[in-house]
Protein backbone atom coordinates (compact mmCIF):
# COMPACT_ATOMS: atom_id res chain seq x y z
CA MET A 1 120.94 94.81 120.67
CA ARG A 2 121.60 96.43 117.28
CA VAL A 3 124.74 95.51 115.33
CA VAL A 4 126.21 97.74 112.62
CA ILE A 5 129.06 97.72 110.12
CA THR A 6 131.21 100.85 110.29
CA GLY A 7 134.85 101.19 109.16
CA LEU A 8 135.99 99.48 105.98
CA GLY A 9 139.17 98.61 104.10
CA VAL A 10 139.22 97.06 100.62
CA LYS A 11 141.70 95.83 98.04
CA SER A 12 139.86 94.22 95.14
CA PRO A 13 139.44 93.81 91.38
CA LEU A 14 136.83 96.60 91.55
CA GLY A 15 139.20 99.04 93.20
CA CYS A 16 141.19 99.76 96.33
CA ASN A 17 138.83 102.13 98.14
CA LEU A 18 135.08 102.25 98.64
CA ASN A 19 134.49 105.04 96.10
CA GLU A 20 136.34 103.09 93.40
CA VAL A 21 134.36 99.95 94.21
CA PHE A 22 131.02 101.76 94.11
CA GLU A 23 131.90 103.45 90.82
CA SER A 24 132.81 100.06 89.30
CA ILE A 25 129.54 98.55 90.51
CA LYS A 26 127.55 101.48 89.14
CA THR A 27 129.09 101.33 85.67
CA GLY A 28 129.40 97.54 85.46
CA LYS A 29 132.96 97.92 84.20
CA PRO A 30 134.47 94.44 83.58
CA CYS A 31 137.34 93.85 86.01
CA VAL A 32 138.33 90.37 84.82
CA GLY A 33 141.12 89.93 82.32
CA ALA A 34 144.03 87.76 81.29
CA LEU A 35 145.95 86.62 84.38
CA GLU A 36 149.01 88.83 84.86
CA ASN A 37 150.63 87.77 88.15
CA ILE A 38 151.58 84.26 87.02
CA ASP A 39 152.26 82.63 83.69
CA ALA A 40 149.06 80.73 82.93
CA GLY A 41 149.99 79.98 79.32
CA GLY A 42 149.74 76.23 79.82
CA PHE A 43 146.07 76.40 80.75
CA PRO A 44 143.21 76.45 78.23
CA MET A 45 141.77 79.46 80.11
CA THR A 46 143.76 82.38 81.47
CA ALA A 47 141.20 84.66 83.14
CA ALA A 48 141.22 86.05 86.67
CA GLY A 49 139.87 88.92 88.68
CA GLU A 50 143.09 90.42 90.06
CA ILE A 51 143.39 93.32 92.50
CA ARG A 52 143.39 96.60 90.62
CA GLN A 53 144.31 100.12 91.64
CA HIS A 54 143.30 102.97 89.31
CA GLY A 55 142.30 100.31 86.78
CA GLU A 56 145.70 98.56 86.67
CA VAL A 57 146.51 95.12 88.09
CA VAL A 58 148.74 95.38 91.17
CA LYS A 59 151.70 93.03 90.75
CA THR A 60 153.84 91.36 93.45
CA PRO A 61 156.86 89.02 93.44
CA GLY A 62 156.18 85.28 93.54
CA SER A 63 157.51 85.11 97.09
CA VAL A 64 154.56 87.24 98.34
CA ASP A 65 151.38 85.65 99.65
CA ARG A 66 148.96 88.09 98.05
CA LYS A 67 146.04 87.37 100.37
CA ILE A 68 148.15 88.33 103.41
CA HIS A 69 149.89 91.24 101.69
CA PHE A 70 146.61 92.87 100.70
CA LEU A 71 144.90 92.00 103.98
CA ASN A 72 147.62 93.95 105.76
CA LEU A 73 147.00 96.94 103.45
CA ALA A 74 143.22 96.71 103.91
CA MET A 75 143.66 96.64 107.69
CA GLU A 76 145.94 99.68 107.58
CA GLN A 77 143.46 101.53 105.38
CA MET A 78 140.50 100.72 107.64
CA LEU A 79 142.22 101.59 110.90
CA ALA A 80 143.63 104.82 109.47
CA GLU A 81 140.09 105.95 108.74
CA HIS A 82 138.38 104.33 111.72
CA ASN A 83 140.83 103.82 114.58
CA MET A 84 139.04 101.57 117.02
CA SER A 85 141.79 101.91 119.60
CA ASP A 86 140.38 105.39 120.30
CA LYS A 87 137.27 103.71 121.72
CA TYR A 88 138.31 100.19 122.70
CA SER A 89 141.17 98.54 124.52
CA GLY A 90 142.96 95.69 122.76
CA ASN A 91 141.21 92.99 124.76
CA GLU A 92 137.79 94.47 123.90
CA MET A 93 138.40 93.82 120.20
CA LEU A 94 138.33 90.51 118.31
CA MET A 95 139.32 89.56 114.77
CA ASN A 96 137.26 87.02 112.78
CA LEU A 97 138.36 86.50 109.17
CA GLY A 98 137.64 84.13 106.32
CA THR A 99 140.42 82.87 104.08
CA GLY A 100 141.50 80.06 101.76
CA LEU A 101 144.36 77.71 101.07
CA ASP A 102 147.85 78.24 102.44
CA TYR A 103 150.18 79.74 99.87
CA LEU A 104 152.96 77.81 98.16
CA ASP A 105 155.47 79.67 95.99
CA SER A 106 155.74 76.69 93.66
CA GLU A 107 158.42 78.17 91.39
CA ASN A 108 160.72 78.91 94.32
CA TYR A 109 159.85 75.54 95.87
CA PHE A 110 161.10 73.81 92.74
CA ASN A 111 164.08 76.02 91.87
CA SER A 112 165.48 76.04 95.42
CA ARG A 113 164.87 72.29 95.85
CA GLU A 114 163.05 72.97 99.11
CA TYR A 115 161.17 69.71 98.65
CA MET A 116 164.46 67.97 99.51
CA LYS A 117 164.21 69.14 103.12
CA PRO A 118 163.43 66.48 105.72
CA PHE A 119 159.75 65.87 106.41
CA GLY A 120 158.42 68.29 109.00
CA SER A 121 161.01 70.98 108.26
CA ALA A 122 159.97 74.59 107.90
CA ILE A 123 159.64 75.45 104.21
CA ASP A 124 160.35 79.07 103.31
CA SER A 125 158.01 79.11 100.30
CA HIS A 126 155.07 77.66 102.26
CA GLN A 127 153.12 80.38 104.07
CA LYS A 128 150.49 79.58 106.69
CA ALA A 129 147.45 81.85 106.44
CA GLY A 130 146.25 81.28 110.00
CA ARG A 131 149.61 82.11 111.51
CA SER A 132 149.97 85.23 109.35
CA MET A 133 146.51 86.49 110.28
CA ARG A 134 147.18 86.03 113.98
CA GLU A 135 150.39 88.01 113.53
CA LEU A 136 148.36 90.82 111.97
CA ALA A 137 146.00 90.81 114.96
CA ILE A 138 149.02 91.31 117.22
CA LYS A 139 150.45 94.00 114.92
CA PHE A 140 147.22 96.02 115.05
CA GLY A 141 146.72 95.57 118.80
CA ILE A 142 143.69 93.25 118.62
CA SER A 143 144.11 90.95 121.59
CA GLY A 144 140.56 89.82 122.48
CA GLY A 145 140.78 86.76 120.22
CA CYS A 146 141.41 85.72 116.62
CA ASN A 147 139.27 83.19 114.73
CA ILE A 148 140.05 82.03 111.19
CA PHE A 149 137.29 80.55 109.00
CA VAL A 150 138.28 78.29 106.10
CA ALA A 151 134.91 77.07 104.78
CA ALA A 152 135.87 77.77 101.16
CA CYS A 153 133.44 80.21 99.46
CA ALA A 154 131.37 80.66 102.64
CA ALA A 155 134.37 81.46 104.85
CA SER A 156 134.09 85.23 105.10
CA SER A 157 130.28 85.11 105.35
CA GLN A 158 130.68 82.76 108.30
CA ALA A 159 133.20 85.15 109.83
CA VAL A 160 130.76 88.05 109.47
CA GLY A 161 127.85 86.00 110.78
CA PHE A 162 129.81 84.75 113.78
CA SER A 163 130.93 88.30 114.55
CA TYR A 164 127.32 89.48 114.43
CA LYS A 165 126.26 86.72 116.85
CA LEU A 166 129.02 87.61 119.33
CA LEU A 167 127.99 91.25 119.33
CA LYS A 168 124.27 90.49 119.42
CA LYS A 169 124.76 88.37 122.54
CA SER A 170 126.99 91.03 124.14
CA LEU A 171 130.00 88.68 124.05
CA ALA A 172 132.12 91.34 122.34
CA LYS A 173 132.17 95.12 122.00
CA ALA A 174 133.84 95.38 118.59
CA VAL A 175 135.06 92.96 115.95
CA VAL A 176 137.28 93.31 112.90
CA THR A 177 135.84 90.91 110.35
CA GLY A 178 135.82 90.19 106.62
CA GLY A 179 138.09 88.00 104.55
CA SER A 180 141.08 87.74 102.26
CA ASP A 181 141.98 85.24 99.58
CA SER A 182 143.88 84.93 96.32
CA MET A 183 143.58 82.24 93.67
CA THR A 184 146.30 83.78 91.49
CA SER A 185 148.89 81.12 92.19
CA HIS A 186 149.79 78.02 90.20
CA ALA A 187 148.58 75.59 92.88
CA ALA A 188 145.20 77.32 93.37
CA TYR A 189 144.62 77.86 89.66
CA LEU A 190 145.51 74.25 88.86
CA GLY A 191 143.17 72.98 91.58
CA PHE A 192 140.11 74.76 90.22
CA PHE A 193 141.05 73.79 86.66
CA LYS A 194 141.28 70.09 87.57
CA LEU A 195 137.93 70.27 89.36
CA GLY A 196 136.34 71.38 86.09
CA ALA A 197 134.83 74.46 87.76
CA MET A 198 136.49 77.07 85.51
CA ALA A 199 134.66 78.89 82.72
CA LEU A 200 135.56 77.69 79.24
CA SER A 201 136.93 79.90 76.49
CA ASP A 202 137.56 79.39 72.79
CA GLU A 203 139.85 82.40 72.62
CA GLY A 204 141.01 85.11 75.02
CA PRO A 205 140.17 85.23 78.72
CA ALA A 206 137.18 83.16 79.83
CA THR A 207 133.95 84.81 80.99
CA CYS A 208 131.88 84.07 84.08
CA LYS A 209 128.15 84.34 83.28
CA PRO A 210 126.10 84.07 86.51
CA PHE A 211 122.59 82.62 85.98
CA ASP A 212 122.94 82.79 82.19
CA ARG A 213 121.55 79.91 80.16
CA TYR A 214 124.94 79.39 78.52
CA ARG A 215 127.16 79.68 81.59
CA THR A 216 130.10 77.26 81.67
CA GLY A 217 131.85 77.91 84.98
CA THR A 218 133.45 80.46 87.22
CA VAL A 219 136.51 82.71 86.95
CA VAL A 220 138.79 82.86 89.99
CA GLY A 221 139.82 86.07 91.67
CA GLU A 222 141.29 87.66 94.75
CA GLY A 223 140.58 90.37 97.27
CA ALA A 224 140.88 91.55 100.84
CA VAL A 225 138.01 93.22 102.71
CA THR A 226 138.02 94.20 106.37
CA MET A 227 135.24 95.90 108.27
CA THR A 228 134.51 96.87 111.83
CA MET A 229 131.34 95.61 113.42
CA GLU A 230 130.08 97.29 116.56
CA ARG A 231 127.10 97.39 118.85
CA LEU A 232 125.18 100.50 117.89
CA GLU A 233 125.44 101.89 121.42
CA PHE A 234 129.21 102.27 120.92
CA ALA A 235 129.22 103.23 117.22
CA THR A 236 129.43 106.71 115.74
CA PRO A 237 126.17 107.03 113.74
CA ASP A 238 127.63 108.93 110.78
CA GLN A 239 130.18 106.13 110.27
CA VAL A 240 127.55 103.39 109.94
CA ILE A 241 127.42 101.73 106.51
CA MET A 242 124.57 99.28 107.18
CA GLU A 243 122.91 97.25 109.92
CA VAL A 244 123.16 93.46 110.30
CA LEU A 245 119.79 91.97 111.27
CA GLY A 246 120.06 88.20 110.90
CA TYR A 247 122.29 85.24 110.10
CA GLY A 248 121.62 81.63 109.16
CA SER A 249 124.10 78.83 108.51
CA THR A 250 123.46 75.22 107.44
CA ALA A 251 125.24 72.31 105.76
CA ASP A 252 123.97 70.10 102.93
CA ALA A 253 125.78 66.89 103.92
CA PHE A 254 125.39 65.96 100.25
CA ALA A 255 128.69 66.14 98.34
CA ILE A 256 132.12 67.73 98.59
CA THR A 257 131.84 69.94 95.50
CA ASP A 258 128.19 69.83 94.36
CA PRO A 259 125.26 71.66 95.95
CA ASP A 260 122.31 69.56 97.04
CA PRO A 261 119.98 69.78 94.00
CA SER A 262 116.97 69.91 96.35
CA ALA A 263 118.37 73.14 97.90
CA ASP A 264 116.64 72.22 101.17
CA MET A 265 119.45 73.34 103.46
CA LEU A 266 120.19 76.46 101.44
CA ALA A 267 116.54 77.44 101.84
CA ARG A 268 116.72 76.56 105.52
CA SER A 269 119.63 78.99 106.00
CA ILE A 270 117.42 81.77 104.59
CA GLU A 271 114.56 80.82 106.90
CA ILE A 272 116.87 80.85 109.93
CA ALA A 273 118.26 84.28 108.97
CA LEU A 274 114.78 85.74 108.46
CA LYS A 275 113.61 84.44 111.83
CA ASP A 276 116.75 85.80 113.48
CA ALA A 277 116.16 89.18 111.85
CA GLY A 278 112.49 89.26 112.76
CA VAL A 279 111.41 90.07 109.20
CA SER A 280 109.12 88.28 106.77
CA PRO A 281 110.02 87.19 103.23
CA ASP A 282 107.76 89.96 101.92
CA GLN A 283 110.04 92.58 103.52
CA ILE A 284 113.08 91.49 101.50
CA ASP A 285 113.51 93.94 98.62
CA CYS A 286 116.23 92.15 96.66
CA ALA A 287 118.71 89.28 96.95
CA HIS A 288 122.45 89.39 96.33
CA LEU A 289 123.14 85.78 95.43
CA HIS A 290 126.25 83.58 95.29
CA GLY A 291 125.98 83.36 91.49
CA THR A 292 129.14 81.48 90.56
CA GLY A 293 128.34 80.93 86.89
CA THR A 294 128.64 77.16 87.31
CA PRO A 295 125.89 74.95 85.82
CA LYS A 296 124.59 73.61 89.16
CA ASN A 297 124.63 76.81 91.21
CA ALA A 298 121.77 78.72 89.58
CA PRO A 299 119.09 75.98 89.83
CA ALA A 300 119.97 75.44 93.50
CA GLU A 301 119.67 79.13 94.35
CA TYR A 302 116.43 79.38 92.39
CA LEU A 303 114.86 76.42 94.23
CA ALA A 304 115.93 77.84 97.60
CA LEU A 305 114.34 81.20 96.81
CA LYS A 306 111.23 79.50 95.41
CA ARG A 307 110.78 77.56 98.65
CA VAL A 308 111.06 80.69 100.80
CA PHE A 309 109.43 83.35 98.57
CA GLY A 310 106.95 81.23 96.62
CA ASP A 311 105.56 82.81 93.46
CA ARG A 312 107.15 86.13 94.43
CA VAL A 313 110.49 84.73 93.26
CA LYS A 314 109.66 85.86 89.72
CA ASP A 315 109.46 89.47 90.93
CA LEU A 316 112.38 89.48 93.39
CA PRO A 317 115.38 91.27 91.82
CA VAL A 318 118.62 89.29 92.17
CA TYR A 319 122.25 90.08 91.46
CA SER A 320 125.70 88.48 91.42
CA MET A 321 129.06 90.29 91.42
CA LYS A 322 131.13 87.41 90.08
CA GLY A 323 130.67 88.17 86.40
CA GLN A 324 132.34 91.51 87.00
CA MET A 325 135.18 90.58 89.38
CA GLY A 326 135.53 86.79 89.45
CA HIS A 327 135.15 84.45 92.41
CA LEU A 328 137.12 85.61 95.45
CA ILE A 329 136.56 82.23 97.22
CA GLY A 330 137.35 82.78 100.92
CA ALA A 331 136.82 86.54 100.56
CA CYS A 332 133.78 86.55 98.27
CA GLY A 333 131.09 86.96 100.94
CA ALA A 334 132.81 89.94 102.55
CA MET A 335 133.49 91.56 99.17
CA GLU A 336 129.91 91.02 98.04
CA LEU A 337 128.65 92.79 101.15
CA LEU A 338 129.97 95.93 99.45
CA GLY A 339 127.45 95.23 96.70
CA VAL A 340 124.77 95.05 99.39
CA ALA A 341 126.05 98.33 100.85
CA TYR A 342 125.77 99.90 97.39
CA SER A 343 122.13 98.80 97.15
CA LEU A 344 121.25 100.16 100.58
CA LEU A 345 123.12 103.46 100.20
CA TYR A 346 122.20 104.23 96.58
CA GLN A 347 118.76 102.54 96.43
CA GLN A 348 119.67 100.43 93.41
CA VAL A 349 120.07 96.78 92.56
CA PRO A 350 123.23 96.53 90.40
CA HIS A 351 123.12 94.65 87.12
CA THR A 352 124.75 91.26 86.72
CA VAL A 353 127.64 91.60 84.28
CA ASN A 354 127.68 89.04 81.42
CA PHE A 355 124.07 87.93 81.94
CA SER A 356 122.03 87.93 78.74
CA GLU A 357 119.61 84.96 78.54
CA SER A 358 117.55 83.39 81.31
CA ASP A 359 117.87 79.69 82.15
CA PRO A 360 114.54 77.80 81.99
CA ASP A 361 115.75 75.71 84.97
CA ALA A 362 116.45 78.86 87.00
CA PRO A 363 114.00 81.58 85.87
CA LEU A 364 115.28 84.25 88.23
CA TYR A 365 114.59 87.97 87.90
CA VAL A 366 118.19 88.91 87.11
CA VAL A 367 118.86 92.62 86.80
CA SER A 368 120.74 93.15 83.53
CA ASP A 369 122.10 95.94 81.32
CA LYS A 370 121.88 98.71 83.96
CA PRO A 371 121.18 99.09 87.70
CA LEU A 372 117.54 98.95 88.80
CA SER A 373 116.49 101.96 90.88
CA MET A 374 113.96 101.03 93.57
CA PRO A 375 113.38 101.41 97.32
CA VAL A 376 115.79 99.08 99.13
CA THR A 377 115.52 98.61 102.90
CA HIS A 378 116.17 94.89 103.49
CA VAL A 379 118.59 92.75 101.47
CA LEU A 380 119.22 89.00 101.54
CA LYS A 381 122.85 87.95 100.96
CA LEU A 382 123.47 84.28 100.11
CA ASN A 383 126.72 82.34 99.86
CA ALA A 384 127.32 78.62 99.44
CA SER A 385 130.51 76.62 99.14
CA PHE A 386 132.30 73.34 98.64
CA GLY A 387 131.59 71.03 101.54
CA GLY A 388 127.91 72.02 101.46
CA HIS A 389 128.24 75.17 103.60
CA ASN A 390 125.34 77.61 103.23
CA THR A 391 125.10 81.10 104.72
CA ALA A 392 122.39 83.73 104.63
CA LEU A 393 122.66 87.28 105.98
CA ILE A 394 119.93 89.89 106.27
CA LEU A 395 121.18 93.48 105.99
CA LYS A 396 119.18 96.67 106.51
CA LYS A 397 119.50 100.31 105.51
CA PHE A 398 120.65 102.11 108.63
CA GLU A 399 118.23 104.39 110.45
CA ALA A 400 119.41 106.09 113.61
């Protein structure tokens, strides 16, 4: 049973349609800047990857939950171009999405004194992501089921992987999957700042430097990506973007915020995905990694690849999107699949923005300066998150 990704909707720092996103990836244009949607003047760093249309940050009032607002727009965009209701009834379609924290309009919460309401009361400025996503499923006529994944940075990868498994086992005909998240709120920004995970900056917006020897942390971002996944027997071949071959998911059981330095379970997720896909490590042409720019991420990803690929790790091209767009947290895996799609469609490994010097503790073959043109048939996509979640996906260039 072959599973493919077809329709797509995107609202992101790299652009608000697939052509814009691909053009940004190709040129490596930096899409991180000083945070515009909230006043972050009290923080020592003010950078974020905000959703941009035609190069300009899209702004919304503080009362708007951006991850739901842009998810709605991404769904509308996808279904306008790829209306699944033409082929499937509502109960034949499911929706599986990754997301992040519920949204709190903290300024309104304070100014309106909503915190004075009795415990358990509905709070107007507090918006529940799960409830809002289920409402969108109803709005778009998707009645076969709705599952929300909240495994931090692995959430949307889990949603995609779960969707693939349902289709592979003939438990669904079509699934809308992907993810949506936004860290451009005071509560979310403060949380990552207090965790010490944010990139440092002496002046101006901070910079995320995945895998670089002098990386200091990540830069938060936002985005909404939706895609349709179908069994190939029901899909229209000329709408296929790429094929999903395998999925692996594990948990470190090590620490809440730190990856297991042994990288055993991260490597195990790759091994599971490869076995599921029926391909060997030698068939993987490149790896699109999690690449957060935090000090502990790069050595963990390197050790995982070293365990699976052996000495070939020094020759395996790798890439991270986060230097260019920031960390989309609950939406990062889905967004980064567009980087995989770029590799498979254009036969290039993009370059990692802001990478300049290799880390002796993580001597990866990081593509830098410009995209690397090469034959690309099979791609490994890795994501890992707080809580020790690890996901690995194997994607393939589509051949009818």
